[in-house]
């Protein structure tokens, strides 16, 4: 059985099928599955989204997104959790999209929407279970803390978050105040999709130090922690490396893989011992590493 209706299907099946069922997560396309133009700009990829219908018919983007949100998010998701007040839920979707790339602040969402924090928790849980959003947990040595501390929230497909936040076009989105968050979220979800397409559960985190410095992404791979900083800039500077250096110093160099700064530079370089990679090169390298 396939499709986005697995909630309705599974809840009506009395047998759990434990041991006799395989569950595969099928995300929208990742860049390795697309035939991209060699000169395509990353903002075009972020703007268009990666659902099959958007990839095949990009000219119908706005119509498709509007229909998708109305049918899937407003009808199906509401029915899953008995969400009765459509206007409040629509407001909740917009406010959640505006927090794309930020930590989940349930108290703020509760206050702004006029709903309880348990309701916020339930609605976020339904959106995550329905592959609308993806939560990136913080990295802690203590596994229990990873489960209870606040995660960062990303929409699985950037086009939905752009539509909900009323972005008018790709260039305005890219140059606007959310441009960095959209780029960060897009890189994170590209990795999630690449790893999931191999039937592997993504082992990804973010890291924040006690003094508030943050590394956007920490990848656990082959027993090592690979810190990744994601910047929209095309001209990486030494100051962009501060968070990566602090992570390596805090965790210990012997436990870390090579740090990466992912950006929009034209070519890969090494800057003060850190690998600076254009987004294409970074995704290509990690796709190859996942096949080892």
C-alpha atoms as a PDB file:
ATOM      1  CA  UNK A   1       0.000   0.000   0.000  1.00  0.00           C
ATOM      2  CA  UNK A   2       1.374   3.358  -0.936  1.00  0.00           C
ATOM      3  CA  UNK A   3       0.275   6.968  -0.763  1.00  0.00           C
ATOM      4  CA  UNK A   4      -0.178   9.824   1.671  1.00  0.00           C
ATOM      5  CA  UNK A   5      -3.320   8.243   3.123  1.00  0.00           C
ATOM      6  CA  UNK A   6      -1.432   5.709   5.230  1.00  0.00           C
ATOM      7  CA  UNK A   7      -2.925   7.132   8.453  1.00  0.00           C
ATOM      8  CA  UNK A   8      -6.468   6.301   7.351  1.00  0.00           C
ATOM      9  CA  UNK A   9      -5.366   2.922   6.018  1.00  0.00           C
ATOM     10  CA  UNK A  10      -3.384   1.808   9.031  1.00  0.00           C
ATOM     11  CA  UNK A  11      -5.845   2.843  11.721  1.00  0.00           C
ATOM     12  CA  UNK A  12      -8.503   0.561  10.208  1.00  0.00           C
ATOM     13  CA  UNK A  13      -6.215  -2.473  10.206  1.00  0.00           C
ATOM     14  CA  UNK A  14      -6.497  -4.442  13.447  1.00  0.00           C
ATOM     15  CA  UNK A  15      -3.360  -6.529  12.797  1.00  0.00           C
ATOM     16  CA  UNK A  16      -0.135  -4.565  13.357  1.00  0.00           C
ATOM     17  CA  UNK A  17       1.598  -6.614  10.605  1.00  0.00           C
ATOM     18  CA  UNK A  18       4.715  -6.574  12.799  1.00  0.00           C
ATOM     19  CA  UNK A  19       7.471  -8.567  11.138  1.00  0.00           C
ATOM     20  CA  UNK A  20       5.526  -8.805   7.864  1.00  0.00           C
ATOM     21  CA  UNK A  21       5.661  -5.241   6.625  1.00  0.00           C
ATOM     22  CA  UNK A  22       8.373  -2.957   5.268  1.00  0.00           C
ATOM     23  CA  UNK A  23       7.998   0.794   5.670  1.00  0.00           C
ATOM     24  CA  UNK A  24       9.858   2.978   3.194  1.00  0.00           C
ATOM     25  CA  UNK A  25       9.847   6.767   3.411  1.00  0.00           C
ATOM     26  CA  UNK A  26       9.398   8.382   0.017  1.00  0.00           C
ATOM     27  CA  UNK A  27      10.288  12.063   0.115  1.00  0.00           C
ATOM     28  CA  UNK A  28      10.064  14.508  -2.811  1.00  0.00           C
ATOM     29  CA  UNK A  29      12.932  14.312  -5.326  1.00  0.00           C
ATOM     30  CA  UNK A  30      16.471  15.202  -4.325  1.00  0.00           C
ATOM     31  CA  UNK A  31      18.929  16.834  -6.730  1.00  0.00           C
ATOM     32  CA  UNK A  32      20.610  13.526  -7.556  1.00  0.00           C
ATOM     33  CA  UNK A  33      17.309  12.353  -9.060  1.00  0.00           C
ATOM     34  CA  UNK A  34      16.771  15.448 -11.199  1.00  0.00           C
ATOM     35  CA  UNK A  35      18.114  16.365 -14.603  1.00  0.00           C
ATOM     36  CA  UNK A  36      19.312  19.824 -13.704  1.00  0.00           C
ATOM     37  CA  UNK A  37      20.699  22.421 -16.048  1.00  0.00           C
ATOM     38  CA  UNK A  38      24.396  22.920 -15.402  1.00  0.00           C
ATOM     39  CA  UNK A  39      23.873  26.639 -14.815  1.00  0.00           C
ATOM     40  CA  UNK A  40      20.756  26.426 -12.660  1.00  0.00           C
ATOM     41  CA  UNK A  41      20.775  28.708  -9.621  1.00  0.00           C
ATOM     42  CA  UNK A  42      20.010  27.274  -6.211  1.00  0.00           C
ATOM     43  CA  UNK A  43      17.211  29.793  -5.636  1.00  0.00           C
ATOM     44  CA  UNK A  44      15.405  28.304  -8.650  1.00  0.00           C
ATOM     45  CA  UNK A  45      15.549  24.840  -7.088  1.00  0.00           C
ATOM     46  CA  UNK A  46      14.390  26.146  -3.729  1.00  0.00           C
ATOM     47  CA  UNK A  47      11.581  28.129  -5.377  1.00  0.00           C
ATOM     48  CA  UNK A  48      10.242  25.385  -7.609  1.00  0.00           C
ATOM     49  CA  UNK A  49      10.120  22.643  -4.987  1.00  0.00           C
ATOM     50  CA  UNK A  50      10.683  18.953  -5.574  1.00  0.00           C
ATOM     51  CA  UNK A  51       7.284  17.268  -5.674  1.00  0.00           C
ATOM     52  CA  UNK A  52       6.889  15.366  -8.965  1.00  0.00           C
ATOM     53  CA  UNK A  53       4.096  17.637 -10.219  1.00  0.00           C
ATOM     54  CA  UNK A  54       6.202  20.738  -9.566  1.00  0.00           C
ATOM     55  CA  UNK A  55       9.245  19.268 -11.278  1.00  0.00           C
ATOM     56  CA  UNK A  56       7.289  18.175 -14.361  1.00  0.00           C
ATOM     57  CA  UNK A  57       5.066  21.260 -14.651  1.00  0.00           C
ATOM     58  CA  UNK A  58       6.841  24.188 -12.932  1.00  0.00           C
ATOM     59  CA  UNK A  59       4.582  26.661 -14.759  1.00  0.00           C
ATOM     60  CA  UNK A  60       1.647  25.396 -12.653  1.00  0.00           C
ATOM     61  CA  UNK A  61       3.502  25.939  -9.363  1.00  0.00           C
ATOM     62  CA  UNK A  62       1.116  28.344  -7.623  1.00  0.00           C
ATOM     63  CA  UNK A  63      -2.044  26.503  -8.671  1.00  0.00           C
ATOM     64  CA  UNK A  64      -0.627  23.174  -7.532  1.00  0.00           C
ATOM     65  CA  UNK A  65       0.591  24.532  -4.192  1.00  0.00           C
ATOM     66  CA  UNK A  66      -2.741  26.191  -3.474  1.00  0.00           C
ATOM     67  CA  UNK A  67      -4.587  22.955  -4.246  1.00  0.00           C
ATOM     68  CA  UNK A  68      -2.119  20.868  -2.241  1.00  0.00           C
ATOM     69  CA  UNK A  69      -2.473  23.025   0.860  1.00  0.00           C
ATOM     70  CA  UNK A  70      -6.258  23.080   0.637  1.00  0.00           C
ATOM     71  CA  UNK A  71      -6.646  19.329   0.106  1.00  0.00           C
ATOM     72  CA  UNK A  72      -3.792  17.721   2.001  1.00  0.00           C
ATOM     73  CA  UNK A  73      -2.976  20.113   4.814  1.00  0.00           C
ATOM     74  CA  UNK A  74      -6.425  21.573   5.422  1.00  0.00           C
ATOM     75  CA  UNK A  75      -8.600  18.524   4.779  1.00  0.00           C
ATOM     76  CA  UNK A  76      -6.532  15.418   5.444  1.00  0.00           C
ATOM     77  CA  UNK A  77      -4.388  16.738   8.298  1.00  0.00           C
ATOM     78  CA  UNK A  78      -7.396  18.355   9.979  1.00  0.00           C
ATOM     79  CA  UNK A  79      -9.318  15.089   9.830  1.00  0.00           C
ATOM     80  CA  UNK A  80      -6.409  13.170  11.324  1.00  0.00           C
ATOM     81  CA  UNK A  81      -6.470  15.265  14.490  1.00  0.00           C
ATOM     82  CA  UNK A  82     -10.101  16.467  14.508  1.00  0.00           C
ATOM     83  CA  UNK A  83      -9.039  20.049  13.898  1.00  0.00           C
ATOM     84  CA  UNK A  84     -12.305  21.964  13.847  1.00  0.00           C
ATOM     85  CA  UNK A  85     -11.340  25.622  13.564  1.00  0.00           C
ATOM     86  CA  UNK A  86     -10.007  26.018  10.018  1.00  0.00           C
ATOM     87  CA  UNK A  87      -9.076  29.688  10.380  1.00  0.00           C
ATOM     88  CA  UNK A  88      -6.948  29.035  13.454  1.00  0.00           C
ATOM     89  CA  UNK A  89      -5.254  26.095  11.752  1.00  0.00           C
ATOM     90  CA  UNK A  90      -4.556  28.223   8.646  1.00  0.00           C
ATOM     91  CA  UNK A  91      -2.985  30.858  10.887  1.00  0.00           C
ATOM     92  CA  UNK A  92      -0.979  28.122  12.602  1.00  0.00           C
ATOM     93  CA  UNK A  93       0.354  26.905   9.235  1.00  0.00           C
ATOM     94  CA  UNK A  94       1.465  30.400   8.259  1.00  0.00           C
ATOM     95  CA  UNK A  95       3.175  31.055  11.588  1.00  0.00           C
ATOM     96  CA  UNK A  96       4.891  27.669  11.435  1.00  0.00           C
ATOM     97  CA  UNK A  97       6.159  28.407   7.918  1.00  0.00           C
ATOM     98  CA  UNK A  98       7.508  31.775   9.121  1.00  0.00           C
ATOM     99  CA  UNK A  99       9.627  29.781  11.610  1.00  0.00           C
ATOM    100  CA  UNK A 100      11.190  27.595   8.926  1.00  0.00           C
ATOM    101  CA  UNK A 101      14.792  27.006  10.043  1.00  0.00           C
ATOM    102  CA  UNK A 102      14.186  28.080  13.642  1.00  0.00           C
ATOM    103  CA  UNK A 103      13.772  26.202  16.891  1.00  0.00           C
ATOM    104  CA  UNK A 104      10.226  25.138  17.686  1.00  0.00           C
ATOM    105  CA  UNK A 105       8.918  27.716  20.161  1.00  0.00           C
ATOM    106  CA  UNK A 106       5.649  26.145  21.220  1.00  0.00           C
ATOM    107  CA  UNK A 107       4.925  28.865  23.758  1.00  0.00           C
ATOM    108  CA  UNK A 108       5.125  31.591  21.082  1.00  0.00           C
ATOM    109  CA  UNK A 109       2.912  29.647  18.677  1.00  0.00           C
ATOM    110  CA  UNK A 110       0.438  29.003  21.474  1.00  0.00           C
ATOM    111  CA  UNK A 111       0.290  32.684  22.392  1.00  0.00           C
ATOM    112  CA  UNK A 112      -0.017  33.969  18.825  1.00  0.00           C
ATOM    113  CA  UNK A 113      -2.704  31.456  17.789  1.00  0.00           C
ATOM    114  CA  UNK A 114      -4.632  31.504  21.039  1.00  0.00           C
ATOM    115  CA  UNK A 115      -4.401  27.737  21.502  1.00  0.00           C
ATOM    116  CA  UNK A 116      -2.914  25.623  24.277  1.00  0.00           C
ATOM    117  CA  UNK A 117       0.651  24.321  24.174  1.00  0.00           C
ATOM    118  CA  UNK A 118      -0.579  20.687  24.169  1.00  0.00           C
ATOM    119  CA  UNK A 119      -2.601  21.554  21.036  1.00  0.00           C
ATOM    120  CA  UNK A 120       0.493  23.081  19.426  1.00  0.00           C
ATOM    121  CA  UNK A 121       2.409  19.911  20.261  1.00  0.00           C
ATOM    122  CA  UNK A 122      -0.319  17.738  18.734  1.00  0.00           C
ATOM    123  CA  UNK A 123      -0.571  19.788  15.538  1.00  0.00           C
ATOM    124  CA  UNK A 124       3.200  19.825  15.040  1.00  0.00           C
ATOM    125  CA  UNK A 125       3.274  16.077  15.634  1.00  0.00           C
ATOM    126  CA  UNK A 126       0.624  15.507  12.951  1.00  0.00           C
ATOM    127  CA  UNK A 127       2.462  17.759  10.486  1.00  0.00           C
ATOM    128  CA  UNK A 128       5.689  15.859  11.097  1.00  0.00           C
ATOM    129  CA  UNK A 129       4.015  12.465  10.819  1.00  0.00           C
ATOM    130  CA  UNK A 130       2.463  13.549   7.518  1.00  0.00           C
ATOM    131  CA  UNK A 131       5.887  14.605   6.130  1.00  0.00           C
ATOM    132  CA  UNK A 132       4.981  18.280   5.995  1.00  0.00           C
ATOM    133  CA  UNK A 133       7.695  19.322   8.421  1.00  0.00           C
ATOM    134  CA  UNK A 134      10.968  17.776   9.554  1.00  0.00           C
ATOM    135  CA  UNK A 135      12.399  18.312  13.030  1.00  0.00           C
ATOM    136  CA  UNK A 136      16.167  18.364  13.471  1.00  0.00           C
ATOM    137  CA  UNK A 137      17.102  17.433  17.056  1.00  0.00           C
ATOM    138  CA  UNK A 138      19.953  19.074  18.964  1.00  0.00           C
ATOM    139  CA  UNK A 139      23.132  17.094  19.505  1.00  0.00           C
ATOM    140  CA  UNK A 140      23.911  16.127  23.088  1.00  0.00           C
ATOM    141  CA  UNK A 141      26.214  13.450  24.434  1.00  0.00           C
ATOM    142  CA  UNK A 142      23.322  12.421  26.666  1.00  0.00           C
ATOM    143  CA  UNK A 143      20.856  10.600  24.402  1.00  0.00           C
ATOM    144  CA  UNK A 144      17.938  11.416  26.700  1.00  0.00           C
ATOM    145  CA  UNK A 145      18.523  15.139  26.280  1.00  0.00           C
ATOM    146  CA  UNK A 146      18.301  14.808  22.491  1.00  0.00           C
ATOM    147  CA  UNK A 147      14.796  13.443  22.892  1.00  0.00           C
ATOM    148  CA  UNK A 148      13.446  16.162  25.159  1.00  0.00           C
ATOM    149  CA  UNK A 149      15.273  19.332  24.086  1.00  0.00           C
ATOM    150  CA  UNK A 150      13.794  21.682  21.486  1.00  0.00           C
ATOM    151  CA  UNK A 151      14.351  20.737  17.832  1.00  0.00           C
ATOM    152  CA  UNK A 152      14.687  22.971  14.790  1.00  0.00           C
ATOM    153  CA  UNK A 153      11.770  22.971  12.373  1.00  0.00           C
ATOM    154  CA  UNK A 154      12.022  22.762   8.582  1.00  0.00           C
ATOM    155  CA  UNK A 155       9.334  22.298   5.959  1.00  0.00           C
ATOM    156  CA  UNK A 156      10.110  19.165   3.955  1.00  0.00           C
ATOM    157  CA  UNK A 157       9.497  21.021   0.699  1.00  0.00           C
ATOM    158  CA  UNK A 158      10.626  24.638   0.563  1.00  0.00           C
ATOM    159  CA  UNK A 159       7.945  25.637  -1.970  1.00  0.00           C
ATOM    160  CA  UNK A 160       5.189  25.043   0.594  1.00  0.00           C
ATOM    161  CA  UNK A 161       6.879  27.280   3.162  1.00  0.00           C
ATOM    162  CA  UNK A 162       7.416  29.947   0.488  1.00  0.00           C
ATOM    163  CA  UNK A 163       3.778  29.818  -0.520  1.00  0.00           C
ATOM    164  CA  UNK A 164       2.571  30.051   3.076  1.00  0.00           C
ATOM    165  CA  UNK A 165       4.870  33.026   3.783  1.00  0.00           C
ATOM    166  CA  UNK A 166       3.715  34.832   0.610  1.00  0.00           C
ATOM    167  CA  UNK A 167       7.086  34.961  -1.159  1.00  0.00           C
ATOM    168  CA  UNK A 168       6.402  36.672  -4.538  1.00  0.00           C
ATOM    169  CA  UNK A 169       9.242  35.194  -6.630  1.00  0.00           C
ATOM    170  CA  UNK A 170      12.557  33.360  -6.399  1.00  0.00           C
ATOM    171  CA  UNK A 171      14.822  36.423  -6.405  1.00  0.00           C
ATOM    172  CA  UNK A 172      12.812  38.265  -3.751  1.00  0.00           C
ATOM    173  CA  UNK A 173      12.765  35.149  -1.590  1.00  0.00           C
ATOM    174  CA  UNK A 174      16.524  34.693  -1.964  1.00  0.00           C
ATOM    175  CA  UNK A 175      17.401  38.289  -1.160  1.00  0.00           C
ATOM    176  CA  UNK A 176      14.837  38.629   1.633  1.00  0.00           C
ATOM    177  CA  UNK A 177      15.175  38.086   5.389  1.00  0.00           C
ATOM    178  CA  UNK A 178      14.251  34.392   5.078  1.00  0.00           C
ATOM    179  CA  UNK A 179      16.663  33.667   2.227  1.00  0.00           C
ATOM    180  CA  UNK A 180      19.341  32.236   4.509  1.00  0.00           C
ATOM    181  CA  UNK A 181      16.820  30.036   6.322  1.00  0.00           C
ATOM    182  CA  UNK A 182      15.449  28.715   3.038  1.00  0.00           C
ATOM    183  CA  UNK A 183      18.956  27.845   1.831  1.00  0.00           C
ATOM    184  CA  UNK A 184      19.845  26.184   5.125  1.00  0.00           C
ATOM    185  CA  UNK A 185      16.615  24.188   5.167  1.00  0.00           C
ATOM    186  CA  UNK A 186      17.034  23.154   1.555  1.00  0.00           C
ATOM    187  CA  UNK A 187      20.560  21.780   2.152  1.00  0.00           C
ATOM    188  CA  UNK A 188      19.448  19.941   5.301  1.00  0.00           C
ATOM    189  CA  UNK A 189      16.475  18.339   3.541  1.00  0.00           C
ATOM    190  CA  UNK A 190      18.575  17.417   0.511  1.00  0.00           C
ATOM    191  CA  UNK A 191      20.731  15.330   2.824  1.00  0.00           C
ATOM    192  CA  UNK A 192      17.685  13.861   4.558  1.00  0.00           C
ATOM    193  CA  UNK A 193      16.199  12.842   1.206  1.00  0.00           C
ATOM    194  CA  UNK A 194      19.481  11.407  -0.108  1.00  0.00           C
ATOM    195  CA  UNK A 195      20.002   9.298   3.006  1.00  0.00           C
ATOM    196  CA  UNK A 196      16.362   8.154   3.203  1.00  0.00           C
ATOM    197  CA  UNK A 197      16.415   7.137  -0.481  1.00  0.00           C
ATOM    198  CA  UNK A 198      19.017   4.509   0.449  1.00  0.00           C
ATOM    199  CA  UNK A 199      16.697   3.061   3.082  1.00  0.00           C
ATOM    200  CA  UNK A 200      18.762   4.505   5.935  1.00  0.00           C
ATOM    201  CA  UNK A 201      17.417   6.548   8.815  1.00  0.00           C
ATOM    202  CA  UNK A 202      19.083   9.998   8.756  1.00  0.00           C
ATOM    203  CA  UNK A 203      21.344  10.553  11.767  1.00  0.00           C
ATOM    204  CA  UNK A 204      21.437  14.348  11.695  1.00  0.00           C
ATOM    205  CA  UNK A 205      21.496  17.042  14.376  1.00  0.00           C
ATOM    206  CA  UNK A 206      22.268  20.680  15.036  1.00  0.00           C
ATOM    207  CA  UNK A 207      24.532  21.911  17.843  1.00  0.00           C
ATOM    208  CA  UNK A 208      24.403  24.940  20.090  1.00  0.00           C
ATOM    209  CA  UNK A 209      27.110  25.838  22.593  1.00  0.00           C
ATOM    210  CA  UNK A 210      26.495  27.227  26.072  1.00  0.00           C
ATOM    211  CA  UNK A 211      27.365  30.720  24.839  1.00  0.00           C
ATOM    212  CA  UNK A 212      24.831  30.559  21.983  1.00  0.00           C
ATOM    213  CA  UNK A 213      27.108  29.691  19.042  1.00  0.00           C
ATOM    214  CA  UNK A 214      25.448  27.252  16.662  1.00  0.00           C
ATOM    215  CA  UNK A 215      26.493  24.728  14.029  1.00  0.00           C
ATOM    216  CA  UNK A 216      23.685  24.275  11.509  1.00  0.00           C
ATOM    217  CA  UNK A 217      24.155  20.560  10.923  1.00  0.00           C
ATOM    218  CA  UNK A 218      26.019  17.676  12.563  1.00  0.00           C
ATOM    219  CA  UNK A 219      26.135  14.430  10.591  1.00  0.00           C
ATOM    220  CA  UNK A 220      26.917  11.200  12.414  1.00  0.00           C
ATOM    221  CA  UNK A 221      28.631   8.981   9.850  1.00  0.00           C
ATOM    222  CA  UNK A 222      30.892   5.970  10.381  1.00  0.00           C
ATOM    223  CA  UNK A 223      31.379   6.720  14.040  1.00  0.00           C
ATOM    224  CA  UNK A 224      32.435  10.336  13.514  1.00  0.00           C
ATOM    225  CA  UNK A 225      30.658  13.675  13.846  1.00  0.00           C
ATOM    226  CA  UNK A 226      30.880  15.861  10.743  1.00  0.00           C
ATOM    227  CA  UNK A 227      29.990  19.507  11.486  1.00  0.00           C
ATOM    228  CA  UNK A 228      28.484  21.549   8.652  1.00  0.00           C
ATOM    229  CA  UNK A 229      27.870  25.284   8.556  1.00  0.00           C
ATOM    230  CA  UNK A 230      25.502  26.538   5.828  1.00  0.00           C
ATOM    231  CA  UNK A 231      25.799  30.098   4.542  1.00  0.00           C
ATOM    232  CA  UNK A 232      24.023  31.808   1.644  1.00  0.00           C
ATOM    233  CA  UNK A 233      27.142  33.827   0.819  1.00  0.00           C
ATOM    234  CA  UNK A 234      29.172  33.444  -2.378  1.00  0.00           C
ATOM    235  CA  UNK A 235      32.274  34.912  -0.688  1.00  0.00           C
ATOM    236  CA  UNK A 236      33.126  32.832   2.404  1.00  0.00           C
ATOM    237  CA  UNK A 237      35.169  34.617   5.062  1.00  0.00           C
ATOM    238  CA  UNK A 238      37.272  33.319   7.981  1.00  0.00           C
ATOM    239  CA  UNK A 239      34.603  34.516  10.440  1.00  0.00           C
ATOM    240  CA  UNK A 240      32.180  32.000   8.924  1.00  0.00           C
ATOM    241  CA  UNK A 241      34.384  29.232  10.321  1.00  0.00           C
ATOM    242  CA  UNK A 242      34.218  30.232  13.997  1.00  0.00           C
ATOM    243  CA  UNK A 243      31.326  27.913  14.873  1.00  0.00           C
ATOM    244  CA  UNK A 244      32.956  24.918  13.205  1.00  0.00           C
ATOM    245  CA  UNK A 245      36.234  25.470  15.033  1.00  0.00           C
ATOM    246  CA  UNK A 246      34.429  25.760  18.354  1.00  0.00           C
ATOM    247  CA  UNK A 247      32.549  22.510  17.733  1.00  0.00           C
ATOM    248  CA  UNK A 248      35.740  20.601  16.911  1.00  0.00           C
ATOM    249  CA  UNK A 249      37.466  22.046  19.978  1.00  0.00           C
ATOM    250  CA  UNK A 250      34.526  21.210  22.251  1.00  0.00           C
ATOM    251  CA  UNK A 251      33.855  17.685  20.991  1.00  0.00           C
ATOM    252  CA  UNK A 252      37.469  16.749  20.301  1.00  0.00           C
ATOM    253  CA  UNK A 253      39.247  16.489  16.976  1.00  0.00           C
ATOM    254  CA  UNK A 254      39.604  12.710  17.203  1.00  0.00           C
ATOM    255  CA  UNK A 255      35.822  12.347  17.216  1.00  0.00           C
ATOM    256  CA  UNK A 256      35.160  14.696  14.297  1.00  0.00           C
ATOM    257  CA  UNK A 257      35.163  14.184  10.578  1.00  0.00           C
ATOM    258  CA  UNK A 258      36.250  16.999   8.289  1.00  0.00           C
ATOM    259  CA  UNK A 259      34.301  20.231   8.943  1.00  0.00           C
ATOM    260  CA  UNK A 260      32.412  21.724   5.994  1.00  0.00           C
ATOM    261  CA  UNK A 261      31.250  25.214   5.118  1.00  0.00           C
ATOM    262  CA  UNK A 262      28.529  24.939   2.464  1.00  0.00           C
ATOM    263  CA  UNK A 263      27.875  28.106   0.489  1.00  0.00           C
ATOM    264  CA  UNK A 264      27.302  29.520  -2.988  1.00  0.00           C
ATOM    265  CA  UNK A 265      30.960  29.953  -3.929  1.00  0.00           C
ATOM    266  CA  UNK A 266      31.934  29.104  -7.502  1.00  0.00           C
ATOM    267  CA  UNK A 267      34.585  26.507  -6.674  1.00  0.00           C
ATOM    268  CA  UNK A 268      35.721  24.365  -3.727  1.00  0.00           C
ATOM    269  CA  UNK A 269      38.606  25.589  -1.582  1.00  0.00           C
ATOM    270  CA  UNK A 270      40.194  24.870   1.779  1.00  0.00           C
ATOM    271  CA  UNK A 271      40.084  27.849   4.125  1.00  0.00           C
ATOM    272  CA  UNK A 272      42.162  27.604   7.295  1.00  0.00           C
ATOM    273  CA  UNK A 273      41.943  23.827   7.210  1.00  0.00           C
ATOM    274  CA  UNK A 274      38.173  23.702   6.653  1.00  0.00           C
ATOM    275  CA  UNK A 275      36.562  22.415   3.455  1.00  0.00           C
ATOM    276  CA  UNK A 276      34.567  25.197   1.782  1.00  0.00           C
ATOM    277  CA  UNK A 277      32.216  23.622  -0.720  1.00  0.00           C
ATOM    278  CA  UNK A 278      29.682  24.995  -3.208  1.00  0.00           C
ATOM    279  CA  UNK A 279      26.342  23.309  -2.539  1.00  0.00           C
ATOM    280  CA  UNK A 280      26.658  21.135  -5.678  1.00  0.00           C
ATOM    281  CA  UNK A 281      30.040  19.724  -4.646  1.00  0.00           C
ATOM    282  CA  UNK A 282      28.952  19.145  -1.057  1.00  0.00           C
ATOM    283  CA  UNK A 283      25.832  17.192  -2.027  1.00  0.00           C
ATOM    284  CA  UNK A 284      27.762  15.207  -4.625  1.00  0.00           C
ATOM    285  CA  UNK A 285      30.453  14.285  -2.089  1.00  0.00           C
ATOM    286  CA  UNK A 286      27.950  13.181   0.535  1.00  0.00           C
ATOM    287  CA  UNK A 287      25.912  11.202  -1.944  1.00  0.00           C
ATOM    288  CA  UNK A 288      29.106   9.329  -2.879  1.00  0.00           C
ATOM    289  CA  UNK A 289      30.083   8.836   0.773  1.00  0.00           C
ATOM    290  CA  UNK A 290      26.690   7.321   1.490  1.00  0.00           C
ATOM    291  CA  UNK A 291      27.403   4.611  -1.091  1.00  0.00           C
ATOM    292  CA  UNK A 292      30.650   3.516   0.570  1.00  0.00           C
END
